[in-house]
Protein backbone atom coordinates (compact mmCIF):
# COMPACT_ATOMS: atom_id res chain seq x y z
CA MET A 1 0.08 -0.05 -0.02
CA SER A 2 2.50 2.68 1.04
CA ASP A 3 5.85 1.08 0.07
CA ASP A 4 7.53 -2.05 -1.10
CA THR A 5 7.58 -3.53 2.39
CA GLY A 6 3.90 -3.76 2.48
CA ASP A 7 3.51 -1.39 5.42
CA ILE A 8 0.19 0.24 5.86
CA SER A 9 0.19 3.93 6.90
CA ARG A 10 -1.92 5.22 9.74
CA PRO A 11 -4.11 7.30 7.34
CA GLU A 12 -4.78 4.11 5.22
CA LEU A 13 -5.56 2.10 8.39
CA ALA A 14 -7.85 4.84 9.62
CA GLU A 15 -9.60 4.81 6.17
CA TYR A 16 -9.88 0.97 6.37
CA CYS A 17 -11.58 1.34 9.76
CA ARG A 18 -14.01 3.92 8.59
CA THR A 19 -14.85 1.66 5.57
CA GLN A 20 -15.45 -1.26 7.86
CA ALA A 21 -17.60 0.81 10.08
CA ALA A 22 -19.58 1.98 7.12
CA ILE A 23 -20.10 -1.65 5.89
CA LEU A 24 -21.27 -2.64 9.28
CA ALA A 25 -23.64 0.39 9.39
CA GLY A 26 -25.18 -1.04 6.18
CA HIS A 27 -25.65 -4.46 7.78
CA LEU A 28 -27.17 -2.63 10.80
CA ASP A 29 -29.61 -0.87 8.60
CA GLN A 30 -30.66 -4.19 6.92
CA ARG A 31 -30.98 -6.07 10.18
CA SER A 32 -32.81 -3.24 11.89
CA ALA A 33 -35.37 -3.26 8.98
CA GLU A 34 -35.81 -7.08 9.33
CA LEU A 35 -36.29 -6.69 13.04
CA SER A 36 -38.89 -4.05 12.56
CA ASP A 37 -40.81 -6.20 10.12
CA LEU A 38 -40.66 -9.17 12.55
CA LEU A 39 -41.93 -6.88 15.41
CA GLU A 40 -44.77 -5.76 13.31
CA GLU A 41 -45.62 -9.32 12.44
CA ILE A 42 -45.56 -10.25 16.16
CA GLU A 43 -47.86 -7.34 16.87
CA ARG A 44 -50.37 -8.42 14.25
CA ASP A 45 -50.31 -12.04 15.40
CA THR A 46 -50.83 -10.97 19.04
CA ALA A 47 -53.79 -8.78 18.09
CA ASN A 48 -55.25 -11.55 16.07
CA ALA A 49 -54.84 -14.07 18.78
CA ARG A 50 -56.48 -11.76 21.31
CA THR A 51 -59.37 -11.29 18.97
CA THR A 52 -59.77 -14.99 18.38
CA LEU A 53 -59.52 -15.73 22.06
CA ALA A 54 -62.10 -13.07 22.97
CA GLU A 55 -64.56 -14.57 20.48
CA ARG A 56 -64.29 -18.09 21.88
CA SER A 57 -64.78 -19.56 25.23
CA GLY A 58 -62.98 -22.56 26.64
CA PRO A 59 -59.63 -24.10 25.85
CA ASP A 60 -58.43 -23.88 22.30
CA THR A 61 -55.52 -25.87 20.86
CA ASP A 62 -55.28 -23.51 17.88
CA ALA A 63 -54.77 -20.57 20.26
CA GLU A 64 -52.12 -22.47 22.16
CA ALA A 65 -50.30 -23.17 18.86
CA THR A 66 -50.65 -19.52 17.86
CA ILE A 67 -49.15 -18.39 21.33
CA ALA A 68 -46.26 -20.79 20.91
CA GLU A 69 -45.58 -19.37 17.43
CA ILE A 70 -45.63 -15.89 18.71
CA GLU A 71 -43.28 -16.84 21.54
CA THR A 72 -40.94 -18.34 18.94
CA LYS A 73 -41.00 -15.22 16.96
CA GLN A 74 -40.28 -13.10 20.10
CA GLU A 75 -37.32 -15.27 20.77
CA ARG A 76 -36.06 -14.70 17.27
CA ALA A 77 -36.64 -10.97 17.61
CA GLN A 78 -34.61 -11.06 20.90
CA ALA A 79 -31.73 -12.89 19.15
CA GLN A 80 -31.92 -10.36 16.25
CA GLN A 81 -31.76 -7.39 18.72
CA GLU A 82 -28.63 -8.95 20.37
CA GLU A 83 -26.99 -9.38 16.94
CA ILE A 84 -27.79 -5.75 16.07
CA ASN A 85 -26.23 -4.68 19.36
CA GLU A 86 -23.02 -6.71 18.54
CA TYR A 87 -22.79 -5.23 14.97
CA ARG A 88 -23.38 -1.56 16.61
CA THR A 89 -20.63 -2.30 19.16
CA LEU A 90 -18.23 -3.41 16.39
CA ALA A 91 -18.93 -0.42 14.16
CA GLU A 92 -18.35 1.88 17.08
CA GLY A 93 -15.12 0.12 17.83
CA TYR A 94 -13.93 0.61 14.20
CA THR A 95 -14.90 4.25 14.45
CA ASP A 96 -13.08 4.78 17.58
CA LEU A 97 -10.04 2.97 16.20
CA ALA A 98 -10.17 5.21 13.03
CA GLU A 99 -10.12 8.34 15.22
CA GLN A 100 -7.27 6.98 17.25
CA LEU A 101 -5.27 6.18 14.05
CA ALA A 102 -6.08 9.55 12.58
CA GLY A 103 -4.88 11.15 15.81
CA GLY A 104 -1.47 9.53 15.37
CA SER A 105 -1.64 6.58 17.71
CA GLY A 106 -2.01 2.96 16.95
CA ASP A 107 -0.75 0.84 14.01
CA LEU A 108 -1.40 -2.41 12.17
CA GLU A 109 -0.92 -4.44 15.24
CA THR A 110 -3.60 -2.37 16.99
CA VAL A 111 -6.06 -3.13 14.24
CA LEU A 112 -5.19 -6.84 14.22
CA GLU A 113 -5.59 -7.00 17.98
CA PHE A 114 -8.99 -5.33 17.70
CA GLU A 115 -10.06 -7.73 15.04
CA ILE A 116 -8.94 -10.72 17.03
CA GLU A 117 -10.64 -9.55 20.24
CA THR A 118 -13.90 -8.83 18.48
CA ASP A 119 -13.72 -11.81 16.08
CA ALA A 120 -14.45 -9.20 13.42
CA PRO A 121 -14.29 -11.35 10.37
CA THR A 122 -17.37 -13.28 11.37
CA TYR A 123 -19.42 -10.01 11.06
CA PHE A 124 -18.66 -9.53 7.40
CA ASP A 125 -20.09 -11.40 4.49
CA ALA A 126 -17.84 -11.28 1.54
CA GLU A 127 -15.77 -8.25 2.72
CA THR A 128 -12.13 -8.64 3.59
CA THR A 129 -10.61 -7.84 6.96
CA ILE A 130 -7.03 -7.35 7.73
CA LEU A 131 -7.21 -10.33 10.21
CA GLY A 132 -8.71 -12.48 7.31
CA VAL A 133 -5.84 -11.72 5.00
CA ALA A 134 -3.19 -12.16 7.72
CA THR A 135 -4.62 -15.62 8.68
CA GLY A 136 -5.37 -16.73 5.22
CA GLU A 137 -9.13 -16.71 5.87
CA ASP A 138 -9.78 -13.95 3.37
CA ARG A 139 -13.57 -14.11 2.57
CA GLY A 140 -13.31 -11.53 -0.32
């Protein structure tokens, strides 16, 4: 990147970190939209189940199945929210790292340590991480 030795400059590393944060922001937007759709579906299902239960008296196996289905969707929504939180934390970490590098501190080792600690390559689809290249697990 910067010379024949393959060293990466701080400005290049900072730009890399900003790019990674932007990619993660895109993933966050997509996952947030999916979660929003799922929450709306849960809300509709819950309203329909309440209406159905109010119209009937006595035990209803269909209602029990509907409730179980709603609970499964709620568990899925919780898992999606946790994943969103993880992506957000990683994106914030890359942003902080970019600022640190732009401010003149940190280096390639700092970026590698961050990616190791956060298991960063697992949060990207086909995009390449420095850690992925360094370990030969380049997904790009």
